[in-house]
Amino acid sequence: MTRQEIFDKLKEIMVEADDRNREIVENSTEDTDLMKDFGFSSVNMLYIVIMIEESFGIRFEDLGVRDLRKVGDVISYIAEELEK
């Protein structure tokens, strides 16, 4: 799976988590800050993590959600986990 394919799926998950941020999500880049730019609550972030795990078949085991600050961090983590 390419970075762009991961990014596209991640955007779908983020819009599903909070539809009010649709325009921000659709215009996001890998440098977009998850908390500052999207304004996701901790509940939204938990939902996103669960949906990422289910959608990509991975687990966030040794990594705290706070370690994932930018969209690119999440994409990189997913890509690394998919390669295992």
PDB file of N, CA and C in Angstrom:
ATOM      1  N   MET A   1       0.853  -1.175   0.000  1.00  0.00           N
ATOM      2  CA  MET A   1       0.000   0.000   0.000  1.00  0.00           C
ATOM      3  C   MET A   1       0.905   1.247   0.000  1.00  0.00           C
ATOM      4  N   THR A   2       0.616   2.182  -0.882  1.00  0.00           N
ATOM      5  CA  THR A   2       1.431   3.395  -0.979  1.00  0.00           C
ATOM      6  C   THR A   2       1.061   4.385   0.130  1.00  0.00           C
ATOM      7  N   ARG A   3       1.944   5.373   0.340  1.00  0.00           N
ATOM      8  CA  ARG A   3       1.660   6.426   1.319  1.00  0.00           C
ATOM      9  C   ARG A   3       0.367   7.156   0.957  1.00  0.00           C
ATOM     10  N   GLN A   4       0.160   7.388  -0.342  1.00  0.00           N
ATOM     11  CA  GLN A   4      -1.044   8.107  -0.769  1.00  0.00           C
ATOM     12  C   GLN A   4      -2.298   7.294  -0.488  1.00  0.00           C
ATOM     13  N   GLU A   5      -2.248   5.985  -0.700  1.00  0.00           N
ATOM     14  CA  GLU A   5      -3.401   5.134  -0.409  1.00  0.00           C
ATOM     15  C   GLU A   5      -3.709   5.131   1.090  1.00  0.00           C
ATOM     16  N   ILE A   6      -2.643   5.080   1.897  1.00  0.00           N
ATOM     17  CA  ILE A   6      -2.819   5.149   3.351  1.00  0.00           C
ATOM     18  C   ILE A   6      -3.431   6.491   3.728  1.00  0.00           C
ATOM     19  N   PHE A   7      -2.903   7.569   3.149  1.00  0.00           N
ATOM     20  CA  PHE A   7      -3.382   8.921   3.430  1.00  0.00           C
ATOM     21  C   PHE A   7      -4.864   9.061   3.061  1.00  0.00           C
ATOM     22  N   ASP A   8      -5.239   8.542   1.908  1.00  0.00           N
ATOM     23  CA  ASP A   8      -6.637   8.632   1.469  1.00  0.00           C
ATOM     24  C   ASP A   8      -7.566   7.901   2.437  1.00  0.00           C
ATOM     25  N   LYS A   9      -7.175   6.705   2.865  1.00  0.00           N
ATOM     26  CA  LYS A   9      -7.987   5.941   3.809  1.00  0.00           C
ATOM     27  C   LYS A   9      -8.040   6.653   5.162  1.00  0.00           C
ATOM     28  N   LEU A  10      -6.918   7.221   5.579  1.00  0.00           N
ATOM     29  CA  LEU A  10      -6.857   7.958   6.837  1.00  0.00           C
ATOM     30  C   LEU A  10      -7.794   9.160   6.806  1.00  0.00           C
ATOM     31  N   LYS A  11      -7.848   9.847   5.688  1.00  0.00           N
ATOM     32  CA  LYS A  11      -8.771  10.984   5.543  1.00  0.00           C
ATOM     33  C   LYS A  11     -10.216  10.530   5.726  1.00  0.00           C
ATOM     34  N   GLU A  12     -10.565   9.397   5.130  1.00  0.00           N
ATOM     35  CA  GLU A  12     -11.929   8.865   5.282  1.00  0.00           C
ATOM     36  C   GLU A  12     -12.238   8.605   6.758  1.00  0.00           C
ATOM     37  N   ILE A  13     -11.274   8.031   7.462  1.00  0.00           N
ATOM     38  CA  ILE A  13     -11.455   7.734   8.888  1.00  0.00           C
ATOM     39  C   ILE A  13     -11.626   9.016   9.686  1.00  0.00           C
ATOM     40  N   MET A  14     -10.819  10.024   9.392  1.00  0.00           N
ATOM     41  CA  MET A  14     -10.887  11.275  10.142  1.00  0.00           C
ATOM     42  C   MET A  14     -12.198  12.019   9.903  1.00  0.00           C
ATOM     43  N   VAL A  15     -12.706  11.971   8.686  1.00  0.00           N
ATOM     44  CA  VAL A  15     -13.995  12.607   8.397  1.00  0.00           C
ATOM     45  C   VAL A  15     -15.111  11.863   9.124  1.00  0.00           C
ATOM     46  N   GLU A  16     -15.007  10.540   9.150  1.00  0.00           N
ATOM     47  CA  GLU A  16     -16.008   9.748   9.861  1.00  0.00           C
ATOM     48  C   GLU A  16     -15.986  10.047  11.356  1.00  0.00           C
ATOM     49  N   ALA A  17     -14.805  10.329  11.897  1.00  0.00           N
ATOM     50  CA  ALA A  17     -14.666  10.632  13.326  1.00  0.00           C
ATOM     51  C   ALA A  17     -15.321  11.959  13.685  1.00  0.00           C
ATOM     52  N   ASP A  18     -15.248  12.930  12.767  1.00  0.00           N
ATOM     53  CA  ASP A  18     -15.816  14.241  13.038  1.00  0.00           C
ATOM     54  C   ASP A  18     -16.106  14.936  11.711  1.00  0.00           C
ATOM     55  N   ASP A  19     -17.317  14.805  11.226  1.00  0.00           N
ATOM     56  CA  ASP A  19     -17.710  15.326   9.923  1.00  0.00           C
ATOM     57  C   ASP A  19     -17.591  16.849   9.835  1.00  0.00           C
ATOM     58  N   ARG A  20     -17.569  17.534  10.975  1.00  0.00           N
ATOM     59  CA  ARG A  20     -17.460  19.004  10.959  1.00  0.00           C
ATOM     60  C   ARG A  20     -16.114  19.459  10.404  1.00  0.00           C
ATOM     61  N   ASN A  21     -15.121  18.577  10.407  1.00  0.00           N
ATOM     62  CA  ASN A  21     -13.777  18.920   9.935  1.00  0.00           C
ATOM     63  C   ASN A  21     -13.519  18.477   8.500  1.00  0.00           C
ATOM     64  N   ARG A  22     -14.566  18.150   7.768  1.00  0.00           N
ATOM     65  CA  ARG A  22     -14.407  17.591   6.413  1.00  0.00           C
ATOM     66  C   ARG A  22     -13.479  18.445   5.535  1.00  0.00           C
ATOM     67  N   GLU A  23     -13.711  19.736   5.470  1.00  0.00           N
ATOM     68  CA  GLU A  23     -12.905  20.599   4.598  1.00  0.00           C
ATOM     69  C   GLU A  23     -11.449  20.642   5.051  1.00  0.00           C
ATOM     70  N   ILE A  24     -11.222  20.727   6.341  1.00  0.00           N
ATOM     71  CA  ILE A  24      -9.850  20.747   6.867  1.00  0.00           C
ATOM     72  C   ILE A  24      -9.155  19.428   6.552  1.00  0.00           C
ATOM     73  N   VAL A  25      -9.847  18.320   6.761  1.00  0.00           N
ATOM     74  CA  VAL A  25      -9.271  16.999   6.483  1.00  0.00           C
ATOM     75  C   VAL A  25      -8.948  16.858   5.006  1.00  0.00           C
ATOM     76  N   GLU A  26      -9.870  17.246   4.153  1.00  0.00           N
ATOM     77  CA  GLU A  26      -9.663  17.100   2.713  1.00  0.00           C
ATOM     78  C   GLU A  26      -8.506  17.951   2.203  1.00  0.00           C
ATOM     79  N   ASN A  27      -8.214  19.067   2.883  1.00  0.00           N
ATOM     80  CA  ASN A  27      -7.112  19.941   2.476  1.00  0.00           C
ATOM     81  C   ASN A  27      -5.840  19.713   3.281  1.00  0.00           C
ATOM     82  N   SER A  28      -5.824  18.677   4.098  1.00  0.00           N
ATOM     83  CA  SER A  28      -4.664  18.425   4.957  1.00  0.00           C
ATOM     84  C   SER A  28      -3.479  17.885   4.158  1.00  0.00           C
ATOM     85  N   THR A  29      -2.307  18.016   4.776  1.00  0.00           N
ATOM     86  CA  THR A  29      -1.063  17.479   4.219  1.00  0.00           C
ATOM     87  C   THR A  29      -0.416  16.613   5.297  1.00  0.00           C
ATOM     88  N   GLU A  30       0.714  16.036   4.979  1.00  0.00           N
ATOM     89  CA  GLU A  30       1.419  15.227   5.972  1.00  0.00           C
ATOM     90  C   GLU A  30       1.933  16.073   7.132  1.00  0.00           C
ATOM     91  N   ASP A  31       2.029  17.386   6.952  1.00  0.00           N
ATOM     92  CA  ASP A  31       2.502  18.281   8.012  1.00  0.00           C
ATOM     93  C   ASP A  31       1.372  18.807   8.899  1.00  0.00           C
ATOM     94  N   THR A  32       0.144  18.453   8.608  1.00  0.00           N
ATOM     95  CA  THR A  32      -0.992  18.914   9.396  1.00  0.00           C
ATOM     96  C   THR A  32      -0.941  18.315  10.792  1.00  0.00           C
ATOM     97  N   ASP A  33      -1.096  19.170  11.812  1.00  0.00           N
ATOM     98  CA  ASP A  33      -1.067  18.744  13.211  1.00  0.00           C
ATOM     99  C   ASP A  33      -2.440  18.193  13.595  1.00  0.00           C
ATOM    100  N   LEU A  34      -2.449  16.984  14.140  1.00  0.00           N
ATOM    101  CA  LEU A  34      -3.715  16.315  14.452  1.00  0.00           C
ATOM    102  C   LEU A  34      -4.560  17.071  15.472  1.00  0.00           C
ATOM    103  N   MET A  35      -3.953  17.544  16.532  1.00  0.00           N
ATOM    104  CA  MET A  35      -4.717  18.192  17.594  1.00  0.00           C
ATOM    105  C   MET A  35      -4.971  19.675  17.292  1.00  0.00           C
ATOM    106  N   LYS A  36      -3.941  20.383  16.886  1.00  0.00           N
ATOM    107  CA  LYS A  36      -4.087  21.824  16.662  1.00  0.00           C
ATOM    108  C   LYS A  36      -4.939  22.150  15.443  1.00  0.00           C
ATOM    109  N   ASP A  37      -4.634  21.514  14.318  1.00  0.00           N
ATOM    110  CA  ASP A  37      -5.309  21.870  13.071  1.00  0.00           C
ATOM    111  C   ASP A  37      -6.711  21.270  12.949  1.00  0.00           C
ATOM    112  N   PHE A  38      -6.896  20.060  13.455  1.00  0.00           N
ATOM    113  CA  PHE A  38      -8.206  19.419  13.355  1.00  0.00           C
ATOM    114  C   PHE A  38      -9.085  19.707  14.559  1.00  0.00           C
ATOM    115  N   GLY A  39      -8.482  19.962  15.698  1.00  0.00           N
ATOM    116  CA  GLY A  39      -9.264  20.219  16.902  1.00  0.00           C
ATOM    117  C   GLY A  39      -9.986  18.983  17.411  1.00  0.00           C
ATOM    118  N   PHE A  40      -9.429  17.815  17.121  1.00  0.00           N
ATOM    119  CA  PHE A  40     -10.053  16.584  17.590  1.00  0.00           C
ATOM    120  C   PHE A  40     -10.003  16.491  19.104  1.00  0.00           C
ATOM    121  N   SER A  41     -11.068  16.011  19.688  1.00  0.00           N
ATOM    122  CA  SER A  41     -11.097  15.743  21.126  1.00  0.00           C
ATOM    123  C   SER A  41     -10.408  14.409  21.378  1.00  0.00           C
ATOM    124  N   SER A  42     -10.189  14.104  22.650  1.00  0.00           N
ATOM    125  CA  SER A  42      -9.571  12.823  22.980  1.00  0.00           C
ATOM    126  C   SER A  42     -10.488  11.668  22.565  1.00  0.00           C
ATOM    127  N   VAL A  43     -11.783  11.869  22.608  1.00  0.00           N
ATOM    128  CA  VAL A  43     -12.734  10.840  22.165  1.00  0.00           C
ATOM    129  C   VAL A  43     -12.599  10.620  20.654  1.00  0.00           C
ATOM    130  N   ASN A  44     -12.489  11.716  19.896  1.00  0.00           N
ATOM    131  CA  ASN A  44     -12.284  11.589  18.450  1.00  0.00           C
ATOM    132  C   ASN A  44     -10.994  10.830  18.159  1.00  0.00           C
ATOM    133  N   MET A  45      -9.932  11.153  18.888  1.00  0.00           N
ATOM    134  CA  MET A  45      -8.641  10.500  18.669  1.00  0.00           C
ATOM    135  C   MET A  45      -8.723   9.012  18.987  1.00  0.00           C
ATOM    136  N   LEU A  46      -9.425   8.659  20.050  1.00  0.00           N
ATOM    137  CA  LEU A  46      -9.586   7.247  20.397  1.00  0.00           C
ATOM    138  C   LEU A  46     -10.346   6.521  19.285  1.00  0.00           C
ATOM    139  N   TYR A  47     -11.393   7.142  18.787  1.00  0.00           N
ATOM    140  CA  TYR A  47     -12.160   6.555  17.690  1.00  0.00           C
ATOM    141  C   TYR A  47     -11.266   6.364  16.463  1.00  0.00           C
ATOM    142  N   ILE A  48     -10.456   7.365  16.148  1.00  0.00           N
ATOM    143  CA  ILE A  48      -9.557   7.288  14.994  1.00  0.00           C
ATOM    144  C   ILE A  48      -8.580   6.130  15.161  1.00  0.00           C
ATOM    145  N   VAL A  49      -8.000   5.997  16.339  1.00  0.00           N
ATOM    146  CA  VAL A  49      -7.051   4.901  16.594  1.00  0.00           C
ATOM    147  C   VAL A  49      -7.736   3.550  16.394  1.00  0.00           C
ATOM    148  N   ILE A  50      -8.933   3.393  16.944  1.00  0.00           N
ATOM    149  CA  ILE A  50      -9.666   2.133  16.812  1.00  0.00           C
ATOM    150  C   ILE A  50      -9.974   1.847  15.340  1.00  0.00           C
ATOM    151  N   MET A  51     -10.415   2.860  14.617  1.00  0.00           N
ATOM    152  CA  MET A  51     -10.731   2.676  13.199  1.00  0.00           C
ATOM    153  C   MET A  51      -9.487   2.368  12.364  1.00  0.00           C
ATOM    154  N   ILE A  52      -8.359   2.989  12.696  1.00  0.00           N
ATOM    155  CA  ILE A  52      -7.106   2.682  11.994  1.00  0.00           C
ATOM    156  C   ILE A  52      -6.736   1.219  12.232  1.00  0.00           C
ATOM    157  N   GLU A  53      -6.823   0.794  13.486  1.00  0.00           N
ATOM    158  CA  GLU A  53      -6.486  -0.600  13.808  1.00  0.00           C
ATOM    159  C   GLU A  53      -7.374  -1.568  13.033  1.00  0.00           C
ATOM    160  N   GLU A  54      -8.668  -1.283  12.991  1.00  0.00           N
ATOM    161  CA  GLU A  54      -9.600  -2.169  12.292  1.00  0.00           C
ATOM    162  C   GLU A  54      -9.422  -2.106  10.774  1.00  0.00           C
ATOM    163  N   SER A  55      -9.236  -0.919  10.238  1.00  0.00           N
ATOM    164  CA  SER A  55      -9.140  -0.744   8.787  1.00  0.00           C
ATOM    165  C   SER A  55      -7.849  -1.299   8.203  1.00  0.00           C
ATOM    166  N   PHE A  56      -6.755  -1.135   8.946  1.00  0.00           N
ATOM    167  CA  PHE A  56      -5.454  -1.552   8.429  1.00  0.00           C
ATOM    168  C   PHE A  56      -4.959  -2.864   9.032  1.00  0.00           C
ATOM    169  N   GLY A  57      -5.682  -3.401  10.015  1.00  0.00           N
ATOM    170  CA  GLY A  57      -5.273  -4.653  10.639  1.00  0.00           C
ATOM    171  C   GLY A  57      -3.985  -4.548  11.422  1.00  0.00           C
ATOM    172  N   ILE A  58      -3.783  -3.404  12.084  1.00  0.00           N
ATOM    173  CA  ILE A  58      -2.572  -3.181  12.883  1.00  0.00           C
ATOM    174  C   ILE A  58      -2.970  -2.865  14.325  1.00  0.00           C
ATOM    175  N   ARG A  59      -1.971  -2.782  15.201  1.00  0.00           N
ATOM    176  CA  ARG A  59      -2.190  -2.422  16.602  1.00  0.00           C
ATOM    177  C   ARG A  59      -1.212  -1.325  17.005  1.00  0.00           C
ATOM    178  N   PHE A  60      -1.689  -0.407  17.816  1.00  0.00           N
ATOM    179  CA  PHE A  60      -0.836   0.625  18.408  1.00  0.00           C
ATOM    180  C   PHE A  60      -0.390   0.099  19.773  1.00  0.00           C
ATOM    181  N   GLU A  61       0.691  -0.684  19.801  1.00  0.00           N
ATOM    182  CA  GLU A  61       1.098  -1.324  21.035  1.00  0.00           C
ATOM    183  C   GLU A  61       2.157  -0.551  21.802  1.00  0.00           C
ATOM    184  N   ASP A  62       3.273  -0.261  21.166  1.00  0.00           N
ATOM    185  CA  ASP A  62       4.399   0.366  21.859  1.00  0.00           C
ATOM    186  C   ASP A  62       4.451   1.866  21.652  1.00  0.00           C
ATOM    187  N   LEU A  63       3.358   2.433  21.208  1.00  0.00           N
ATOM    188  CA  LEU A  63       3.345   3.840  20.832  1.00  0.00           C
ATOM    189  C   LEU A  63       2.147   4.516  21.466  1.00  0.00           C
ATOM    190  N   GLY A  64       2.394   5.665  22.083  1.00  0.00           N
ATOM    191  CA  GLY A  64       1.294   6.432  22.630  1.00  0.00           C
ATOM    192  C   GLY A  64       0.709   7.325  21.553  1.00  0.00           C
ATOM    193  N   VAL A  65      -0.559   7.609  21.678  1.00  0.00           N
ATOM    194  CA  VAL A  65      -1.213   8.471  20.698  1.00  0.00           C
ATOM    195  C   VAL A  65      -0.535   9.833  20.653  1.00  0.00           C
ATOM    196  N   ARG A  66      -0.006  10.274  21.771  1.00  0.00           N
ATOM    197  CA  ARG A  66       0.662  11.581  21.812  1.00  0.00           C
ATOM    198  C   ARG A  66       1.946  11.606  20.985  1.00  0.00           C
ATOM    199  N   ASP A  67       2.484  10.430  20.665  1.00  0.00           N
ATOM    200  CA  ASP A  67       3.682  10.345  19.834  1.00  0.00           C
ATOM    201  C   ASP A  67       3.353  10.636  18.366  1.00  0.00           C
ATOM    202  N   LEU A  68       2.094  10.601  18.035  1.00  0.00           N
ATOM    203  CA  LEU A  68       1.654  10.845  16.667  1.00  0.00           C
ATOM    204  C   LEU A  68       1.060  12.244  16.591  1.00  0.00           C
ATOM    205  N   ARG A  69       1.887  13.201  16.254  1.00  0.00           N
ATOM    206  CA  ARG A  69       1.442  14.594  16.266  1.00  0.00           C
ATOM    207  C   ARG A  69       0.975  15.082  14.905  1.00  0.00           C
ATOM    208  N   LYS A  70       1.621  14.607  13.873  1.00  0.00           N
ATOM    209  CA  LYS A  70       1.320  15.064  12.515  1.00  0.00           C
ATOM    210  C   LYS A  70       0.701  13.928  11.706  1.00  0.00           C
ATOM    211  N   VAL A  71      -0.031  14.282  10.682  1.00  0.00           N
ATOM    212  CA  VAL A  71      -0.634  13.285   9.798  1.00  0.00           C
ATOM    213  C   VAL A  71       0.454  12.373   9.238  1.00  0.00           C
ATOM    214  N   GLY A  72       1.583  12.938   8.870  1.00  0.00           N
ATOM    215  CA  GLY A  72       2.691  12.152   8.322  1.00  0.00           C
ATOM    216  C   GLY A  72       3.216  11.124   9.309  1.00  0.00           C
ATOM    217  N   ASP A  73       3.189  11.449  10.620  1.00  0.00           N
ATOM    218  CA  ASP A  73       3.615  10.487  11.639  1.00  0.00           C
ATOM    219  C   ASP A  73       2.706   9.258  11.624  1.00  0.00           C
ATOM    220  N   VAL A  74       1.424   9.494  11.491  1.00  0.00           N
ATOM    221  CA  VAL A  74       0.451   8.395  11.469  1.00  0.00           C
ATOM    222  C   VAL A  74       0.649   7.555  10.206  1.00  0.00           C
ATOM    223  N   ILE A  75       0.824   8.209   9.071  1.00  0.00           N
ATOM    224  CA  ILE A  75       1.036   7.497   7.813  1.00  0.00           C
ATOM    225  C   ILE A  75       2.296   6.632   7.906  1.00  0.00           C
ATOM    226  N   SER A  76       3.371   7.201   8.439  1.00  0.00           N
ATOM    227  CA  SER A  76       4.629   6.449   8.577  1.00  0.00           C
ATOM    228  C   SER A  76       4.454   5.245   9.491  1.00  0.00           C
ATOM    229  N   TYR A  77       3.755   5.439  10.601  1.00  0.00           N
ATOM    230  CA  TYR A  77       3.531   4.339  11.536  1.00  0.00           C
ATOM    231  C   TYR A  77       2.727   3.221  10.870  1.00  0.00           C
ATOM    232  N   ILE A  78       1.662   3.585  10.187  1.00  0.00           N
ATOM    233  CA  ILE A  78       0.840   2.583   9.509  1.00  0.00           C
ATOM    234  C   ILE A  78       1.665   1.843   8.461  1.00  0.00           C
ATOM    235  N   ALA A  79       2.426   2.578   7.664  1.00  0.00           N
ATOM    236  CA  ALA A  79       3.251   1.964   6.613  1.00  0.00           C
ATOM    237  C   ALA A  79       4.254   0.978   7.210  1.00  0.00           C
ATOM    238  N   GLU A  80       4.890   1.369   8.324  1.00  0.00           N
ATOM    239  CA  GLU A  80       5.861   0.481   8.979  1.00  0.00           C
ATOM    240  C   GLU A  80       5.185  -0.780   9.500  1.00  0.00           C
ATOM    241  N   GLU A  81       4.016  -0.614  10.086  1.00  0.00           N
ATOM    242  CA  GLU A  81       3.297  -1.778  10.640  1.00  0.00           C
ATOM    243  C   GLU A  81       2.823  -2.712   9.515  1.00  0.00           C
ATOM    244  N   LEU A  82       2.431  -2.155   8.397  1.00  0.00           N
ATOM    245  CA  LEU A  82       1.972  -2.979   7.286  1.00  0.00           C
ATOM    246  C   LEU A  82       3.103  -3.787   6.657  1.00  0.00           C
ATOM    247  N   GLU A  83       4.335  -3.299   6.791  1.00  0.00           N
ATOM    248  CA  GLU A  83       5.490  -4.002   6.231  1.00  0.00           C
ATOM    249  C   GLU A  83       5.928  -5.184   7.080  1.00  0.00           C
ATOM    250  N   LYS A  84       5.463  -5.257   8.323  1.00  0.00           N
ATOM    251  CA  LYS A  84       5.887  -6.344   9.226  1.00  0.00           C
ATOM    252  C   LYS A  84       5.285  -7.665   8.826  1.00  0.00           C
TER     253      LYS A  84
END
